[in-house]
N, C-alpha and C. Protein backbone atom coordinates (compact mmCIF):
# COMPACT_ATOMS: atom_id res chain seq x y z
N UNK A 1 -41.90 -13.64 5.45
CA UNK A 1 -40.30 -13.89 5.47
C UNK A 1 -39.81 -14.16 6.96
N UNK A 2 -38.59 -14.87 6.52
CA UNK A 2 -38.35 -15.59 7.86
C UNK A 2 -37.71 -14.55 8.87
N UNK A 3 -37.65 -14.56 9.88
CA UNK A 3 -36.95 -13.54 11.02
C UNK A 3 -35.56 -13.90 10.77
N UNK A 4 -35.05 -13.02 11.39
CA UNK A 4 -33.31 -13.00 10.99
C UNK A 4 -32.85 -14.17 12.01
N UNK A 5 -33.36 -14.59 12.99
CA UNK A 5 -32.82 -15.74 13.71
C UNK A 5 -33.36 -17.02 12.99
N UNK A 6 -34.48 -16.78 12.74
CA UNK A 6 -34.68 -18.19 11.67
C UNK A 6 -33.46 -18.54 10.66
N UNK A 7 -33.47 -17.53 9.85
CA UNK A 7 -32.44 -17.52 9.15
C UNK A 7 -31.24 -18.19 9.34
N UNK A 8 -30.42 -17.34 10.63
CA UNK A 8 -29.37 -17.81 11.15
C UNK A 8 -29.37 -19.31 11.66
N UNK A 9 -30.49 -19.70 12.04
CA UNK A 9 -30.73 -20.97 12.37
C UNK A 9 -30.60 -22.09 11.55
N UNK A 10 -30.82 -21.52 10.17
CA UNK A 10 -31.07 -22.47 9.16
C UNK A 10 -29.45 -22.78 8.47
N UNK A 11 -28.80 -21.61 8.70
CA UNK A 11 -27.44 -21.73 8.18
C UNK A 11 -26.47 -22.26 9.58
N UNK A 12 -25.56 -22.93 9.12
CA UNK A 12 -24.66 -23.28 10.26
C UNK A 12 -23.48 -22.15 10.28
N UNK A 13 -23.27 -21.82 11.32
CA UNK A 13 -22.22 -21.17 11.87
C UNK A 13 -20.91 -21.40 11.21
N UNK A 14 -20.11 -20.64 10.70
CA UNK A 14 -18.77 -21.02 10.29
C UNK A 14 -17.83 -20.72 11.67
N UNK A 15 -17.24 -22.18 11.61
CA UNK A 15 -16.51 -22.43 13.16
C UNK A 15 -15.40 -21.15 13.33
N UNK A 16 -14.58 -20.66 12.17
CA UNK A 16 -13.90 -19.77 12.22
C UNK A 16 -14.12 -18.41 11.86
N UNK A 17 -15.16 -18.15 12.15
CA UNK A 17 -15.74 -16.85 11.95
C UNK A 17 -15.47 -15.72 12.44
N UNK A 18 -15.03 -15.85 13.40
CA UNK A 18 -14.24 -14.56 14.53
C UNK A 18 -13.02 -14.47 13.76
N UNK A 19 -12.16 -15.32 13.21
CA UNK A 19 -10.84 -15.44 12.86
C UNK A 19 -10.78 -14.83 11.44
N UNK A 20 -11.88 -15.14 10.83
CA UNK A 20 -11.87 -14.68 9.84
C UNK A 20 -12.18 -12.93 9.80
N UNK A 21 -13.27 -12.35 10.55
CA UNK A 21 -13.66 -11.32 10.88
C UNK A 21 -12.13 -10.54 11.35
N UNK A 22 -11.79 -11.20 12.20
CA UNK A 22 -10.23 -10.59 12.64
C UNK A 22 -9.25 -10.40 11.28
N UNK A 23 -9.33 -11.05 10.62
CA UNK A 23 -7.88 -11.17 9.52
C UNK A 23 -8.72 -10.12 8.62
N UNK A 24 -10.04 -9.86 8.47
CA UNK A 24 -10.47 -8.90 7.58
C UNK A 24 -10.03 -7.50 8.16
N UNK A 25 -10.38 -7.36 9.34
CA UNK A 25 -9.93 -5.98 10.25
C UNK A 25 -8.35 -6.05 10.19
N UNK A 26 -7.55 -6.88 9.90
CA UNK A 26 -6.43 -6.73 10.16
C UNK A 26 -5.72 -6.10 8.75
N UNK A 27 -6.51 -6.63 7.76
CA UNK A 27 -6.14 -6.09 6.01
C UNK A 27 -6.72 -4.85 6.10
N UNK A 28 -7.85 -4.06 6.65
CA UNK A 28 -8.13 -2.76 6.91
C UNK A 28 -7.37 -2.08 7.30
N UNK A 29 -6.85 -2.68 8.20
CA UNK A 29 -5.99 -1.48 9.40
C UNK A 29 -4.54 -1.39 8.27
N UNK A 30 -4.17 -2.70 7.77
CA UNK A 30 -2.82 -2.87 6.97
C UNK A 30 -3.10 -1.83 5.70
N UNK A 31 -4.13 -1.58 5.19
CA UNK A 31 -4.58 -0.95 4.14
C UNK A 31 -4.20 0.51 4.46
N UNK A 32 -4.97 0.76 5.69
CA UNK A 32 -5.01 2.30 6.13
C UNK A 32 -3.60 2.65 6.74
N UNK A 33 -2.56 1.74 7.15
CA UNK A 33 -1.17 2.04 7.11
C UNK A 33 -0.26 2.14 5.99
N UNK A 34 -0.43 1.32 5.00
CA UNK A 34 0.04 1.41 3.74
C UNK A 34 -0.34 2.74 2.98
N UNK A 35 -1.40 3.40 3.10
CA UNK A 35 -2.13 4.31 2.34
C UNK A 35 -1.60 5.75 3.18
N UNK A 36 -1.42 5.52 4.46
CA UNK A 36 -0.90 6.74 5.35
C UNK A 36 0.64 6.66 5.34
N UNK A 37 1.30 5.60 4.80
CA UNK A 37 2.80 5.70 4.66
C UNK A 37 3.08 6.20 2.82
N UNK A 38 2.21 5.67 2.08
CA UNK A 38 2.24 6.03 0.78
C UNK A 38 1.95 7.90 0.85
N UNK A 39 1.37 8.17 1.37
CA UNK A 39 0.92 9.91 1.51
C UNK A 39 2.51 10.48 2.14
N UNK A 40 2.89 9.70 3.15
CA UNK A 40 4.21 10.13 3.66
C UNK A 40 5.19 10.23 3.01
N UNK A 41 5.44 9.18 2.00
CA UNK A 41 6.26 8.86 1.08
C UNK A 41 6.03 9.97 -0.17
N UNK A 42 4.79 10.32 -0.55
CA UNK A 42 4.58 11.29 -1.50
C UNK A 42 4.87 12.77 -1.14
N UNK A 43 4.71 12.91 0.11
CA UNK A 43 5.20 14.15 0.70
C UNK A 43 6.84 14.09 0.79
N UNK A 44 7.24 13.17 0.90
CA UNK A 44 8.92 13.41 0.86
C UNK A 44 9.29 13.35 -0.74
N UNK A 45 8.61 12.39 -1.03
CA UNK A 45 9.19 12.70 -2.68
C UNK A 45 9.14 14.59 -2.94
N UNK A 46 8.02 15.34 -2.95
CA UNK A 46 7.80 16.43 -2.84
C UNK A 46 8.79 17.23 -2.30
N UNK A 47 9.18 17.00 -1.29
CA UNK A 47 10.14 17.67 -0.64
C UNK A 47 11.55 17.67 -1.09
N UNK A 48 11.87 16.29 -1.54
CA UNK A 48 13.06 16.31 -2.32
C UNK A 48 13.08 16.95 -3.54
N UNK A 49 12.16 16.97 -4.15
CA UNK A 49 11.68 17.83 -5.54
C UNK A 49 12.27 18.96 -5.37
N UNK A 50 11.77 19.47 -4.08
CA UNK A 50 11.67 20.95 -3.83
C UNK A 50 13.09 21.06 -3.73
N UNK A 51 13.75 20.36 -2.94
CA UNK A 51 15.38 20.45 -2.49
C UNK A 51 16.05 20.41 -3.55
N UNK A 52 15.86 19.56 -4.63
CA UNK A 52 16.78 19.53 -5.89
C UNK A 52 16.53 20.44 -6.91
N UNK A 53 15.35 21.03 -6.65
CA UNK A 53 15.12 22.24 -7.98
C UNK A 53 15.74 23.38 -6.81
N UNK A 54 16.13 23.40 -5.66
CA UNK A 54 16.66 24.49 -4.91
C UNK A 54 18.36 24.41 -5.18
N UNK A 55 18.58 23.13 -5.40
CA UNK A 55 20.08 23.02 -5.47
C UNK A 55 20.43 23.31 -6.82
N UNK A 56 19.53 23.17 -7.90
CA UNK A 56 19.72 23.18 -9.24
C UNK A 56 19.93 24.74 -9.29
N UNK A 57 19.15 25.34 -9.03
CA UNK A 57 18.94 27.05 -9.16
C UNK A 57 20.12 27.59 -8.59
N UNK A 58 20.73 27.16 -7.51
CA UNK A 58 21.96 27.49 -6.78
C UNK A 58 22.85 27.40 -7.78
N UNK A 59 23.14 26.18 -8.41
CA UNK A 59 23.81 25.91 -8.98
C UNK A 59 24.18 26.71 -10.65
N UNK A 60 22.98 26.89 -11.01
CA UNK A 60 22.55 27.54 -12.22
C UNK A 60 23.18 29.14 -12.07
N UNK A 61 22.80 29.93 -10.55
CA UNK A 61 23.18 31.06 -10.47
C UNK A 61 24.68 30.93 -10.48
N UNK A 62 25.37 30.07 -9.57
CA UNK A 62 26.82 30.14 -9.75
C UNK A 62 27.66 29.68 -11.54
N UNK A 63 27.09 29.11 -12.03
CA UNK A 63 27.35 29.05 -13.28
C UNK A 63 27.44 29.98 -14.12
N UNK A 64 26.20 31.12 -13.95
CA UNK A 64 26.17 32.23 -14.49
C UNK A 64 26.80 33.45 -13.92
N UNK A 65 27.18 33.26 -12.82
CA UNK A 65 27.84 34.39 -12.14
C UNK A 65 29.60 33.79 -12.45
N UNK A 66 29.71 32.75 -12.79
CA UNK A 66 31.24 32.29 -13.67
C UNK A 66 31.40 32.40 -15.14
N UNK A 67 30.53 32.81 -15.75
CA UNK A 67 30.59 32.77 -17.03
C UNK A 67 31.47 34.02 -17.52
N UNK A 68 31.58 33.69 -18.76
CA UNK A 68 32.75 35.00 -19.26
C UNK A 68 32.25 36.32 -18.70
N UNK A 69 33.25 37.11 -18.35
CA UNK A 69 32.86 38.51 -17.97
C UNK A 69 33.23 39.39 -19.20
N UNK A 70 32.30 40.33 -19.17
CA UNK A 70 32.22 41.31 -20.60
C UNK A 70 33.48 41.73 -20.53
N UNK A 71 33.91 41.82 -21.92
CA UNK A 71 35.51 42.18 -22.28
C UNK A 71 35.25 43.96 -22.18
N UNK A 72 36.82 44.28 -21.20
CA UNK A 72 36.63 45.66 -21.33
C UNK A 72 36.23 46.70 -22.68
N UNK A 73 35.97 47.82 -22.82
CA UNK A 73 35.87 48.48 -23.89
C UNK A 73 36.84 49.39 -23.68
N UNK A 74 36.80 50.14 -24.76
CA UNK A 74 38.08 51.12 -24.86
C UNK A 74 37.61 52.12 -23.64
N UNK A 75 36.35 52.33 -23.29
CA UNK A 75 35.64 53.43 -22.31
C UNK A 75 35.75 53.09 -20.73
N UNK A 76 35.86 51.69 -20.57
CA UNK A 76 35.89 51.38 -19.38
C UNK A 76 37.54 50.95 -19.20
N UNK A 77 37.74 50.85 -17.80
CA UNK A 77 39.15 50.54 -17.26
C UNK A 77 38.87 49.14 -16.77
N UNK A 78 40.00 48.55 -17.01
CA UNK A 78 40.36 47.28 -15.74
C UNK A 78 39.94 47.23 -14.74
N UNK A 79 39.25 46.10 -13.99
CA UNK A 79 38.61 46.15 -12.92
C UNK A 79 39.94 46.39 -11.99
N UNK A 80 39.59 46.70 -10.81
CA UNK A 80 40.76 47.16 -9.64
C UNK A 80 40.67 45.96 -8.98
N UNK A 81 41.41 45.95 -7.95
CA UNK A 81 42.01 44.90 -7.27
C UNK A 81 40.82 44.48 -5.98
N UNK A 82 40.06 45.78 -5.70
CA UNK A 82 38.68 45.79 -4.65
C UNK A 82 37.68 45.24 -5.44
N UNK A 83 37.30 45.29 -6.65
CA UNK A 83 36.23 44.93 -7.75
C UNK A 83 36.78 43.49 -7.80
N UNK A 84 37.89 42.98 -8.06
CA UNK A 84 38.54 41.86 -8.20
C UNK A 84 38.08 40.49 -6.74
N UNK A 85 38.20 41.22 -5.81
CA UNK A 85 38.44 40.68 -4.52
C UNK A 85 36.73 40.54 -4.09
N UNK A 86 35.85 41.76 -4.42
CA UNK A 86 34.23 41.45 -4.37
C UNK A 86 33.82 40.41 -5.13
N UNK A 87 34.29 40.46 -6.23
CA UNK A 87 33.83 39.53 -7.26
C UNK A 87 34.51 37.94 -6.66
N UNK A 88 35.45 37.65 -6.40
CA UNK A 88 35.72 36.53 -5.74
C UNK A 88 34.97 36.12 -4.54
N UNK A 89 34.42 37.09 -3.63
CA UNK A 89 33.92 36.89 -2.20
C UNK A 89 32.40 36.22 -2.77
N UNK A 90 31.87 37.13 -3.61
CA UNK A 90 30.34 36.97 -4.51
C UNK A 90 30.51 35.23 -4.67
N UNK A 91 31.57 35.05 -5.62
CA UNK A 91 31.86 33.71 -6.37
C UNK A 91 31.61 32.41 -4.98
N UNK A 92 32.51 32.94 -4.23
CA UNK A 92 32.89 31.92 -3.20
C UNK A 92 31.36 31.95 -2.61
N UNK A 93 30.49 32.92 -1.99
CA UNK A 93 29.12 32.69 -1.43
C UNK A 93 28.23 32.15 -2.39
N UNK A 94 28.34 32.17 -3.40
CA UNK A 94 27.50 31.53 -4.55
C UNK A 94 28.13 29.97 -4.45
N UNK A 95 29.03 29.48 -4.31
CA UNK A 95 29.79 28.16 -4.48
C UNK A 95 29.43 27.54 -3.44
N UNK A 96 29.46 28.29 -2.32
CA UNK A 96 28.90 27.75 -0.74
C UNK A 96 27.57 27.56 -0.72
N UNK A 97 26.92 28.18 -1.51
CA UNK A 97 25.22 28.24 -1.54
C UNK A 97 24.89 26.89 -2.13
N UNK A 98 25.63 26.73 -3.36
CA UNK A 98 25.22 25.59 -4.20
C UNK A 98 25.77 24.24 -3.73
N UNK A 99 26.96 24.40 -3.08
CA UNK A 99 27.30 23.25 -2.33
C UNK A 99 26.26 22.77 -0.86
N UNK A 100 25.99 23.76 -0.24
CA UNK A 100 25.10 23.52 0.94
C UNK A 100 23.79 22.84 0.40
N UNK A 101 23.31 23.68 -0.52
CA UNK A 101 21.89 23.06 -1.17
C UNK A 101 22.03 22.02 -1.71
N UNK A 102 23.22 21.44 -2.28
CA UNK A 102 23.38 20.14 -3.09
C UNK A 102 23.43 18.74 -1.46
N UNK A 103 23.98 19.54 -0.58
CA UNK A 103 24.42 18.54 0.62
C UNK A 103 23.03 18.71 1.11
N UNK A 104 22.45 19.56 1.47
CA UNK A 104 20.63 19.40 1.86
C UNK A 104 20.10 18.32 1.42
N UNK A 105 20.13 18.34 -0.02
CA UNK A 105 19.20 17.45 -1.16
C UNK A 105 20.02 15.68 -0.79
N UNK A 106 21.19 15.73 -1.01
CA UNK A 106 21.54 14.48 -0.84
C UNK A 106 21.32 14.25 0.69
N UNK A 107 21.72 14.73 1.68
CA UNK A 107 21.12 14.19 2.82
C UNK A 107 19.72 13.95 3.29
N UNK A 108 18.80 14.83 2.62
CA UNK A 108 17.32 14.52 2.71
C UNK A 108 17.13 13.12 1.88
N UNK A 109 17.80 12.68 0.80
CA UNK A 109 17.70 11.54 0.20
C UNK A 109 17.67 10.31 0.77
N UNK A 110 19.08 10.73 1.31
CA UNK A 110 19.57 9.34 2.47
C UNK A 110 19.01 9.23 3.62
N UNK A 111 18.56 10.19 3.98
CA UNK A 111 17.79 10.08 5.27
C UNK A 111 16.18 10.11 5.25
N UNK A 112 15.63 11.23 5.44
CA UNK A 112 13.72 11.06 5.59
C UNK A 112 13.51 10.52 4.26
N UNK A 113 13.97 10.95 3.32
CA UNK A 113 13.31 10.15 1.63
C UNK A 113 13.59 8.48 1.70
N UNK A 114 14.58 8.12 2.27
CA UNK A 114 14.85 6.82 1.83
C UNK A 114 14.05 6.13 3.22
N UNK A 115 13.71 6.84 4.27
CA UNK A 115 13.12 6.37 5.46
C UNK A 115 11.57 5.88 4.92
N UNK A 116 11.04 7.34 4.39
CA UNK A 116 9.59 6.98 3.83
C UNK A 116 9.53 6.14 3.03
N UNK A 117 10.42 6.04 2.13
CA UNK A 117 10.27 5.00 0.87
C UNK A 117 10.35 3.54 1.67
N UNK A 118 11.28 3.31 2.35
CA UNK A 118 11.60 2.03 3.29
C UNK A 118 9.92 1.47 3.69
N UNK A 119 9.65 2.48 4.52
CA UNK A 119 8.45 2.31 5.29
C UNK A 119 7.13 2.27 4.26
N UNK A 120 7.08 2.83 3.19
CA UNK A 120 6.14 2.47 2.36
C UNK A 120 6.19 0.92 1.82
N UNK A 121 7.14 0.66 1.66
CA UNK A 121 7.46 -0.66 0.97
C UNK A 121 7.39 -1.91 2.13
N UNK A 122 7.69 -1.59 3.29
CA UNK A 122 7.44 -2.62 4.55
C UNK A 122 5.64 -2.57 4.82
N UNK A 123 5.20 -1.23 4.81
CA UNK A 123 3.68 -1.61 4.83
C UNK A 123 2.71 -2.17 3.54
N UNK A 124 3.35 -2.06 2.68
CA UNK A 124 2.71 -2.80 1.10
C UNK A 124 3.06 -4.01 1.22
N UNK A 125 4.45 -4.67 1.98
CA UNK A 125 4.25 -5.99 2.21
C UNK A 125 3.50 -6.68 3.39
N UNK A 126 3.58 -5.90 4.51
CA UNK A 126 2.67 -6.30 5.15
C UNK A 126 0.94 -6.54 5.01
N UNK A 127 0.54 -5.51 4.04
CA UNK A 127 -0.69 -5.36 3.55
C UNK A 127 -0.82 -6.78 2.80
N UNK A 128 -0.02 -7.27 1.61
CA UNK A 128 -0.10 -8.38 1.04
C UNK A 128 -0.03 -9.33 1.77
N UNK A 129 0.67 -9.62 2.82
CA UNK A 129 0.81 -10.68 3.65
C UNK A 129 -1.00 -10.78 4.49
N UNK A 130 -1.22 -9.80 4.69
CA UNK A 130 -2.66 -9.64 5.48
C UNK A 130 -3.71 -9.81 4.59
N UNK A 131 -3.59 -9.65 3.25
CA UNK A 131 -4.49 -10.13 2.05
C UNK A 131 -4.61 -11.17 1.94
N UNK A 132 -3.25 -12.12 2.08
CA UNK A 132 -3.17 -13.57 1.65
C UNK A 132 -3.95 -14.51 2.69
N UNK A 133 -3.55 -13.84 4.26
CA UNK A 133 -4.15 -14.63 5.11
C UNK A 133 -5.33 -14.45 5.30
N UNK A 134 -6.15 -13.22 4.71
CA UNK A 134 -7.74 -12.86 4.68
C UNK A 134 -8.28 -13.85 3.53
N UNK A 135 -7.62 -13.90 2.45
CA UNK A 135 -8.14 -14.65 1.43
C UNK A 135 -7.89 -16.36 1.57
N UNK A 136 -6.86 -16.67 2.32
CA UNK A 136 -6.78 -17.82 2.66
C UNK A 136 -8.09 -18.40 3.65
N UNK A 137 -8.48 -17.83 4.66
CA UNK A 137 -9.67 -17.84 5.46
C UNK A 137 -10.66 -17.78 4.62
N UNK A 138 -11.05 -16.85 3.85
CA UNK A 138 -12.22 -16.99 2.92
C UNK A 138 -12.15 -18.20 1.92
N UNK A 139 -11.18 -18.58 1.56
CA UNK A 139 -10.98 -19.66 0.81
C UNK A 139 -11.55 -21.31 2.06
N UNK A 140 -11.11 -21.20 3.04
CA UNK A 140 -11.03 -22.21 4.01
C UNK A 140 -13.02 -22.07 4.22
N UNK A 141 -13.43 -20.83 4.29
CA UNK A 141 -14.90 -20.68 4.81
C UNK A 141 -15.74 -21.40 3.62
N UNK A 142 -15.16 -20.95 1.95
CA UNK A 142 -15.90 -21.49 1.00
C UNK A 142 -15.78 -22.96 0.72
N UNK A 143 -15.04 -23.44 1.13
CA UNK A 143 -14.88 -24.58 1.19
C UNK A 143 -15.75 -25.74 2.43
N UNK A 144 -15.53 -24.85 3.52
CA UNK A 144 -16.57 -25.29 4.43
C UNK A 144 -18.20 -25.30 3.94
N UNK A 145 -18.53 -24.13 3.53
CA UNK A 145 -20.21 -23.92 2.93
C UNK A 145 -20.57 -25.00 2.04
N UNK A 146 -19.26 -25.17 1.19
CA UNK A 146 -19.61 -26.18 -0.01
C UNK A 146 -19.62 -27.69 0.71
N UNK A 147 -18.59 -28.00 1.42
CA UNK A 147 -18.85 -29.35 2.30
C UNK A 147 -20.18 -29.23 2.96
N UNK A 148 -20.87 -28.34 3.61
CA UNK A 148 -21.97 -28.43 4.22
C UNK A 148 -23.13 -28.57 3.15
N UNK A 149 -23.14 -27.78 2.15
CA UNK A 149 -23.97 -27.77 1.02
C UNK A 149 -23.87 -29.19 0.42
N UNK A 150 -23.12 -30.35 0.35
CA UNK A 150 -22.94 -31.23 -0.07
C UNK A 150 -23.51 -32.21 0.77
N UNK A 151 -23.25 -32.03 2.12
CA UNK A 151 -23.85 -32.78 3.32
C UNK A 151 -25.27 -32.73 3.26
N UNK A 152 -26.04 -31.58 3.55
CA UNK A 152 -27.10 -31.07 3.25
C UNK A 152 -27.88 -31.88 1.87
N UNK A 153 -27.29 -32.11 1.00
CA UNK A 153 -27.65 -32.73 -0.26
C UNK A 153 -27.77 -33.96 -0.15
N UNK A 154 -26.94 -34.57 0.66
CA UNK A 154 -26.76 -35.89 0.93
C UNK A 154 -27.53 -36.40 2.23
N UNK A 155 -28.06 -35.76 3.07
CA UNK A 155 -29.05 -35.62 3.90
C UNK A 155 -30.49 -35.98 3.18
N UNK A 156 -30.69 -34.60 2.26
CA UNK A 156 -31.83 -34.52 1.60
C UNK A 156 -32.22 -36.18 0.81
N UNK A 157 -31.06 -36.30 0.16
CA UNK A 157 -31.18 -37.62 -0.88
C UNK A 157 -31.80 -38.86 -0.10
N UNK A 158 -31.01 -38.83 1.41
CA UNK A 158 -31.20 -40.00 2.07
C UNK A 158 -32.36 -40.03 2.71
N UNK A 159 -32.99 -38.85 2.86
CA UNK A 159 -34.46 -38.63 3.58
C UNK A 159 -35.47 -39.16 2.44
N UNK A 160 -35.04 -38.66 1.27
CA UNK A 160 -36.11 -39.03 -0.09
C UNK A 160 -36.08 -40.52 -0.20
N UNK A 161 -35.09 -41.22 -0.02
CA UNK A 161 -34.75 -42.58 -0.22
C UNK A 161 -35.34 -43.03 0.87
N UNK A 162 -35.55 -42.78 2.25
CA UNK A 162 -35.82 -43.47 3.14
C UNK A 162 -37.53 -43.41 3.07
N UNK A 163 -37.85 -42.08 2.58
CA UNK A 163 -39.48 -41.92 2.39
C UNK A 163 -39.95 -43.03 1.18
N UNK A 164 -39.17 -43.15 0.23
CA UNK A 164 -39.56 -44.01 -0.94
C UNK A 164 -39.43 -45.44 -0.54
N UNK A 165 -38.51 -45.85 0.13
CA UNK A 165 -38.82 -47.29 0.55
C UNK A 165 -39.50 -47.41 1.51
N UNK A 166 -40.09 -46.58 2.26
CA UNK A 166 -41.22 -46.62 3.71
C UNK A 166 -42.82 -46.82 2.55
N UNK A 167 -42.71 -45.88 1.56
CA UNK A 167 -43.90 -45.93 0.73
C UNK A 167 -43.71 -47.36 -0.15
N UNK A 168 -42.92 -47.86 -0.30
CA UNK A 168 -42.81 -48.98 -0.99
C UNK A 168 -43.24 -50.27 0.09
N UNK A 169 -42.66 -49.81 1.42
CA UNK A 169 -42.79 -50.97 2.32
C UNK A 169 -44.17 -51.00 2.63
N UNK A 170 -44.82 -50.03 2.81
CA UNK A 170 -46.24 -49.52 3.22
C UNK A 170 -47.02 -50.19 2.03
N UNK A 171 -46.75 -50.20 0.70
CA UNK A 171 -47.96 -50.81 -0.27
C UNK A 171 -47.42 -52.27 -0.20
N UNK A 172 -46.47 -52.78 0.20
CA UNK A 172 -46.49 -54.37 0.19
C UNK A 172 -47.06 -54.97 1.45
N UNK A 173 -47.05 -54.09 2.10
CA UNK A 173 -47.79 -54.70 3.78
C UNK A 173 -46.80 -55.57 4.22
N UNK A 174 -47.14 -56.79 4.97
CA UNK A 174 -46.74 -57.49 5.39
C UNK A 174 -46.60 -58.98 4.61
N UNK A 175 -47.04 -58.64 3.32
CA UNK A 175 -47.05 -59.77 2.49
C UNK A 175 -45.99 -59.96 1.81
N UNK A 176 -45.09 -61.27 2.36
CA UNK A 176 -43.39 -61.25 2.09
C UNK A 176 -43.66 -61.60 0.10
N UNK A 177 -44.31 -62.14 -0.08
CA UNK A 177 -44.55 -62.60 -1.81
C UNK A 177 -44.56 -61.65 -2.60
N UNK A 178 -44.59 -60.38 -2.46
CA UNK A 178 -44.89 -59.05 -3.18
C UNK A 178 -43.53 -58.67 -3.62
């Protein structure tokens, strides 16, 4: 078996090999950045879902508390002013909690969640661009290798033709009549 240096000597080095390797590394880096951005976006989505659930729970508690009050029975008396004031304060606290939870949810959607989604899209675009440049470089390398093979085949064919002519001339000798 030929030593690696012999194999390397037989195959012509692609002149833009370093550029191709650089583009491959760039693509790997872009893929890693995209994956990290996707993970951050997934975490932001989960946090957004948690905040949305919290806002929905707060709204459900408010809706339940604002539901119809039990009708007074003959054994109970009408609610006193202090009880009504306490109920109003309780409903105000629930209303404020529901409003605050909805505001936190909306602020998160407009801020960190939107930023995470934008970053994920940006890194996906960068990845697609680096993949395209790497594929273009590989296409160029493939064309270079195909041209080299064709050139080598032409050289081999010319060498066979030269050998055939040499044999033909050797048989003829110097006699011009043949």
